[in-house]
């Protein structure tokens, strides 16, 4: 089994027995977002708080 499939299996198996399809998909998506964020951080693909503040302010216009 590939590492990706194993990670997905682990996330799914960690869900409660009564978890819905949507809840499981949401958890898988969240796990992927966290992994991407950590990879960006490890590879120094980050921006400063000031730059993020500027981006957020531009969205509010």
C-alpha atoms as a PDB file:
ATOM      1  CA  UNK A   1       0.000   0.000   0.000  1.00  0.00           C
ATOM      2  CA  UNK A   2       1.329   3.436  -0.861  1.00  0.00           C
ATOM      3  CA  UNK A   3       1.996   6.018   1.828  1.00  0.00           C
ATOM      4  CA  UNK A   4      -0.857   8.143   0.499  1.00  0.00           C
ATOM      5  CA  UNK A   5      -3.352   5.291   0.682  1.00  0.00           C
ATOM      6  CA  UNK A   6      -2.124   4.367   4.157  1.00  0.00           C
ATOM      7  CA  UNK A   7      -2.566   7.964   5.378  1.00  0.00           C
ATOM      8  CA  UNK A   8      -6.093   8.063   3.941  1.00  0.00           C
ATOM      9  CA  UNK A   9      -6.887   4.736   5.585  1.00  0.00           C
ATOM     10  CA  UNK A  10      -5.584   6.025   8.922  1.00  0.00           C
ATOM     11  CA  UNK A  11      -7.721   9.180   8.712  1.00  0.00           C
ATOM     12  CA  UNK A  12     -10.826   7.173   7.787  1.00  0.00           C
ATOM     13  CA  UNK A  13     -10.281   4.610  10.532  1.00  0.00           C
ATOM     14  CA  UNK A  14      -9.858   7.401  13.099  1.00  0.00           C
ATOM     15  CA  UNK A  15     -13.420   8.581  12.423  1.00  0.00           C
ATOM     16  CA  UNK A  16     -16.279   7.500  14.664  1.00  0.00           C
ATOM     17  CA  UNK A  17     -18.415   4.599  13.448  1.00  0.00           C
ATOM     18  CA  UNK A  18     -21.369   6.916  12.786  1.00  0.00           C
ATOM     19  CA  UNK A  19     -19.354   9.406  10.692  1.00  0.00           C
ATOM     20  CA  UNK A  20     -21.103  10.471   7.516  1.00  0.00           C
ATOM     21  CA  UNK A  21     -19.594  10.407   4.049  1.00  0.00           C
ATOM     22  CA  UNK A  22     -19.404  14.216   4.120  1.00  0.00           C
ATOM     23  CA  UNK A  23     -17.649  14.245   7.500  1.00  0.00           C
ATOM     24  CA  UNK A  24     -15.047  11.762   6.288  1.00  0.00           C
ATOM     25  CA  UNK A  25     -14.444  13.761   3.106  1.00  0.00           C
ATOM     26  CA  UNK A  26     -14.076  16.921   5.188  1.00  0.00           C
ATOM     27  CA  UNK A  27     -11.486  15.240   7.414  1.00  0.00           C
ATOM     28  CA  UNK A  28      -9.546  13.959   4.405  1.00  0.00           C
ATOM     29  CA  UNK A  29      -9.562  17.450   2.865  1.00  0.00           C
ATOM     30  CA  UNK A  30      -8.455  18.996   6.166  1.00  0.00           C
ATOM     31  CA  UNK A  31      -5.603  16.502   6.469  1.00  0.00           C
ATOM     32  CA  UNK A  32      -4.473  17.352   2.928  1.00  0.00           C
ATOM     33  CA  UNK A  33      -4.568  21.095   3.652  1.00  0.00           C
ATOM     34  CA  UNK A  34      -2.465  20.621   6.783  1.00  0.00           C
ATOM     35  CA  UNK A  35       0.068  18.492   4.886  1.00  0.00           C
ATOM     36  CA  UNK A  36       0.319  21.101   2.115  1.00  0.00           C
ATOM     37  CA  UNK A  37       0.796  23.879   4.675  1.00  0.00           C
ATOM     38  CA  UNK A  38       3.527  21.982   6.465  1.00  0.00           C
ATOM     39  CA  UNK A  39       5.273  21.264   3.154  1.00  0.00           C
ATOM     40  CA  UNK A  40       5.099  24.960   2.244  1.00  0.00           C
ATOM     41  CA  UNK A  41       6.606  25.834   5.620  1.00  0.00           C
ATOM     42  CA  UNK A  42       9.414  23.278   5.260  1.00  0.00           C
ATOM     43  CA  UNK A  43      10.203  24.652   1.785  1.00  0.00           C
ATOM     44  CA  UNK A  44      10.155  28.279   2.998  1.00  0.00           C
ATOM     45  CA  UNK A  45       7.087  29.102   0.895  1.00  0.00           C
ATOM     46  CA  UNK A  46       5.743  31.507   3.490  1.00  0.00           C
ATOM     47  CA  UNK A  47       4.796  35.170   3.714  1.00  0.00           C
ATOM     48  CA  UNK A  48       5.101  37.653   6.554  1.00  0.00           C
ATOM     49  CA  UNK A  49       2.226  38.645   8.802  1.00  0.00           C
ATOM     50  CA  UNK A  50       2.361  42.100   7.232  1.00  0.00           C
ATOM     51  CA  UNK A  51       1.978  40.639   3.733  1.00  0.00           C
ATOM     52  CA  UNK A  52      -0.934  38.495   4.901  1.00  0.00           C
ATOM     53  CA  UNK A  53      -2.578  41.504   6.520  1.00  0.00           C
ATOM     54  CA  UNK A  54      -2.322  43.348   3.200  1.00  0.00           C
ATOM     55  CA  UNK A  55      -3.885  40.416   1.316  1.00  0.00           C
ATOM     56  CA  UNK A  56      -6.776  40.160   3.758  1.00  0.00           C
ATOM     57  CA  UNK A  57      -7.456  43.897   3.552  1.00  0.00           C
ATOM     58  CA  UNK A  58      -7.531  43.667  -0.263  1.00  0.00           C
ATOM     59  CA  UNK A  59     -10.198  40.923  -0.019  1.00  0.00           C
ATOM     60  CA  UNK A  60     -12.409  43.143   2.124  1.00  0.00           C
ATOM     61  CA  UNK A  61     -12.724  45.838  -0.558  1.00  0.00           C
END
